[in-house]
Protein backbone atom coordinates (compact mmCIF):
# COMPACT_ATOMS: atom_id res chain seq x y z
CA UNK A 1 6.99 -20.34 -14.57
CA UNK A 2 8.30 -17.28 -13.81
CA UNK A 3 7.70 -15.67 -10.47
CA UNK A 4 5.97 -12.48 -12.70
CA UNK A 5 3.69 -14.71 -14.72
CA UNK A 6 2.55 -16.66 -11.42
CA UNK A 7 1.48 -13.49 -9.76
CA UNK A 8 -0.49 -13.01 -13.29
CA UNK A 9 -2.05 -15.74 -13.71
CA UNK A 10 -2.78 -16.46 -10.34
CA UNK A 11 -5.19 -13.31 -10.34
CA UNK A 12 -8.30 -14.02 -11.98
CA UNK A 13 -9.25 -10.04 -13.14
CA UNK A 14 -5.25 -9.83 -14.81
CA UNK A 15 -5.57 -12.91 -15.63
CA UNK A 16 -8.70 -12.25 -18.00
CA UNK A 17 -7.45 -8.50 -19.07
CA UNK A 18 -4.43 -11.01 -20.41
CA UNK A 19 -7.01 -13.12 -22.51
CA UNK A 20 -8.21 -10.04 -23.81
CA UNK A 21 -5.01 -8.48 -24.96
CA UNK A 22 -4.22 -12.17 -26.53
CA UNK A 23 -7.83 -12.38 -28.16
CA UNK A 24 -9.30 -15.41 -26.09
CA UNK A 25 -12.66 -15.76 -25.22
CA UNK A 26 -13.58 -14.55 -22.20
CA UNK A 27 -16.93 -14.29 -20.60
CA UNK A 28 -18.74 -11.03 -20.35
CA UNK A 29 -17.94 -9.59 -17.30
CA UNK A 30 -17.23 -6.22 -14.67
CA UNK A 31 -14.63 -5.50 -12.45
CA UNK A 32 -15.48 -3.53 -9.39
CA UNK A 33 -13.26 -0.40 -8.18
CA UNK A 34 -11.81 -0.13 -5.03
CA UNK A 35 -14.61 1.50 -2.56
CA UNK A 36 -17.37 0.56 -4.87
CA UNK A 37 -20.48 1.43 -3.45
CA UNK A 38 -24.19 0.17 -4.53
CA UNK A 39 -24.33 2.24 -7.40
CA UNK A 40 -21.27 0.39 -9.06
CA UNK A 41 -22.81 -3.28 -8.55
CA UNK A 42 -26.02 -2.63 -9.89
CA UNK A 43 -24.69 -0.66 -13.26
CA UNK A 44 -22.09 -3.75 -13.30
CA UNK A 45 -24.56 -5.76 -12.67
CA UNK A 46 -27.04 -4.63 -15.70
CA UNK A 47 -23.99 -4.28 -17.39
CA UNK A 48 -23.17 -8.62 -17.25
CA UNK A 49 -26.39 -9.98 -17.42
CA UNK A 50 -28.39 -11.94 -14.09
CA UNK A 51 -27.86 -14.70 -13.05
CA UNK A 52 -24.17 -14.10 -12.51
CA UNK A 53 -21.56 -14.71 -10.82
CA UNK A 54 -19.73 -12.63 -7.77
CA UNK A 55 -16.22 -14.13 -7.89
CA UNK A 56 -12.43 -13.29 -5.68
CA UNK A 57 -9.87 -12.03 -7.85
CA UNK A 58 -7.45 -13.85 -5.71
CA UNK A 59 -7.94 -17.88 -4.49
CA UNK A 60 -10.23 -20.54 -5.34
CA UNK A 61 -12.18 -23.50 -4.59
CA UNK A 62 -15.72 -21.68 -4.58
CA UNK A 63 -14.02 -19.11 -1.84
CA UNK A 64 -15.02 -15.31 -2.13
CA UNK A 65 -17.38 -17.02 -4.54
CA UNK A 66 -21.23 -16.10 -4.78
CA UNK A 67 -24.35 -17.19 -7.58
CA UNK A 68 -26.54 -13.38 -7.06
CA UNK A 69 -30.20 -14.21 -9.56
CA UNK A 70 -31.24 -10.64 -9.51
CA UNK A 71 -30.31 -6.96 -8.39
CA UNK A 72 -32.04 -7.22 -5.28
CA UNK A 73 -29.25 -9.35 -3.65
CA UNK A 74 -26.04 -7.98 -5.19
CA UNK A 75 -25.80 -6.12 -2.52
CA UNK A 76 -25.60 -8.54 0.37
CA UNK A 77 -23.63 -10.83 -1.57
CA UNK A 78 -21.05 -9.17 -3.18
CA UNK A 79 -19.95 -7.37 0.94
CA UNK A 80 -19.89 -10.95 1.75
CA UNK A 81 -18.01 -13.03 -0.58
CA UNK A 82 -15.19 -9.58 -0.30
CA UNK A 83 -15.32 -10.38 3.66
CA UNK A 84 -14.43 -14.02 3.11
CA UNK A 85 -12.58 -13.59 0.03
CA UNK A 86 -10.38 -11.04 2.35
CA UNK A 87 -10.44 -13.43 4.87
CA UNK A 88 -9.23 -16.21 2.76
CA UNK A 89 -6.75 -15.12 0.63
CA UNK A 90 -5.65 -11.84 1.90
CA UNK A 91 -8.31 -9.46 -0.85
CA UNK A 92 -11.12 -8.54 -0.57
CA UNK A 93 -10.71 -7.37 -4.70
CA UNK A 94 -13.95 -8.92 -6.30
CA UNK A 95 -15.39 -9.09 -9.71
CA UNK A 96 -18.80 -10.03 -11.71
CA UNK A 97 -18.72 -12.51 -14.45
CA UNK A 98 -21.65 -14.47 -16.23
CA UNK A 99 -22.76 -17.69 -14.33
CA UNK A 100 -23.45 -20.63 -17.17
CA UNK A 101 -26.14 -23.06 -15.54
CA UNK A 102 -24.92 -25.91 -18.08
CA UNK A 103 -21.19 -25.32 -17.61
CA UNK A 104 -18.51 -27.94 -17.72
CA UNK A 105 -15.26 -27.30 -16.05
CA UNK A 106 -12.52 -28.34 -18.94
CA UNK A 107 -8.94 -27.15 -18.02
CA UNK A 108 -6.55 -28.05 -21.03
CA UNK A 109 -2.90 -28.12 -20.41
CA UNK A 110 0.03 -26.95 -22.39
CA UNK A 111 4.40 -26.94 -21.92
CA UNK A 112 6.08 -23.79 -22.50
CA UNK A 113 9.78 -23.25 -22.91
CA UNK A 114 11.82 -20.54 -22.52
CA UNK A 115 12.49 -19.74 -26.32
CA UNK A 116 8.02 -19.45 -26.54
CA UNK A 117 7.44 -22.15 -27.67
CA UNK A 118 3.86 -23.19 -25.66
CA UNK A 119 2.18 -26.30 -27.13
CA UNK A 120 -0.84 -27.93 -25.78
CA UNK A 121 -1.10 -31.43 -23.99
CA UNK A 122 -4.49 -32.15 -24.62
CA UNK A 123 -7.36 -30.94 -21.88
CA UNK A 124 -9.21 -32.64 -18.94
CA UNK A 125 -12.53 -32.46 -18.16
CA UNK A 126 -13.24 -32.31 -14.39
CA UNK A 127 -16.69 -31.07 -14.10
CA UNK A 128 -17.80 -33.23 -11.27
CA UNK A 129 -17.09 -31.55 -8.26
CA UNK A 130 -18.30 -31.02 -4.94
CA UNK A 131 -18.16 -27.83 -2.94
CA UNK A 132 -15.57 -26.50 -5.75
CA UNK A 133 -13.47 -29.13 -5.48
CA UNK A 134 -12.43 -31.53 -7.82
CA UNK A 135 -13.40 -35.12 -7.57
CA UNK A 136 -13.34 -37.18 -10.79
CA UNK A 137 -11.09 -35.74 -13.62
CA UNK A 138 -11.61 -37.12 -17.22
CA UNK A 139 -8.40 -36.93 -19.77
CA UNK A 140 -10.16 -36.40 -22.67
CA UNK A 141 -13.02 -34.53 -22.60
CA UNK A 142 -15.35 -36.93 -23.05
CA UNK A 143 -18.01 -35.38 -25.33
CA UNK A 144 -16.48 -32.55 -26.98
CA UNK A 145 -16.60 -32.35 -30.01
CA UNK A 146 -13.29 -31.88 -32.51
CA UNK A 147 -13.66 -27.96 -33.14
CA UNK A 148 -13.72 -27.51 -29.88
CA UNK A 149 -11.23 -29.06 -28.29
CA UNK A 150 -9.21 -27.68 -30.98
CA UNK A 151 -10.44 -24.16 -30.24
CA UNK A 152 -9.69 -25.37 -26.38
CA UNK A 153 -6.09 -25.62 -26.84
CA UNK A 154 -5.48 -22.71 -29.28
CA UNK A 155 -7.21 -20.77 -27.20
CA UNK A 156 -5.34 -22.04 -24.08
CA UNK A 157 -1.95 -21.87 -26.05
CA UNK A 158 -2.31 -18.26 -27.40
CA UNK A 159 -2.26 -16.60 -23.86
CA UNK A 160 0.04 -19.02 -22.78
CA UNK A 161 2.41 -17.81 -25.57
CA UNK A 162 1.13 -13.67 -24.42
CA UNK A 163 2.32 -14.23 -20.98
CA UNK A 164 5.25 -15.83 -21.58
CA UNK A 165 4.10 -18.93 -19.70
CA UNK A 166 7.97 -21.50 -19.27
CA UNK A 167 6.87 -24.69 -17.67
CA UNK A 168 4.31 -27.62 -17.73
CA UNK A 169 0.62 -25.44 -16.12
């Protein structure tokens, strides 16, 4: 992909905004303004609902991510997540996202050319993880209804097209 697309999709906040602009479903989430205060956190937490995840906008692998069960612990965990994100990725920017307790990690592979054509190459399940690092990847994802599978493929293709994604990803 182009450097512009890598920058866009490498930042979780920018990627979420791009997905919403392309009408691709996302989990409920809230952005924190620079210099956020406790009141901002609590207001954003109420918007998203508890439990929620605080997540680093940059990076991955669980760094800068904290599970928050209630408003009572959001201040401490947000400060900790931002510090870890700053140290790991050079950016302390964090956001809040709804936490799905019984979720699956499914990734869709896409292939795009320089003429705007994007196709799905299928999906893989990456739910078996240790410390937020994939241990097993299985393709195609097992026990996925055909309706859900096709909806995932369509969403991935729509997002890739919207950001002018080229190459494999």
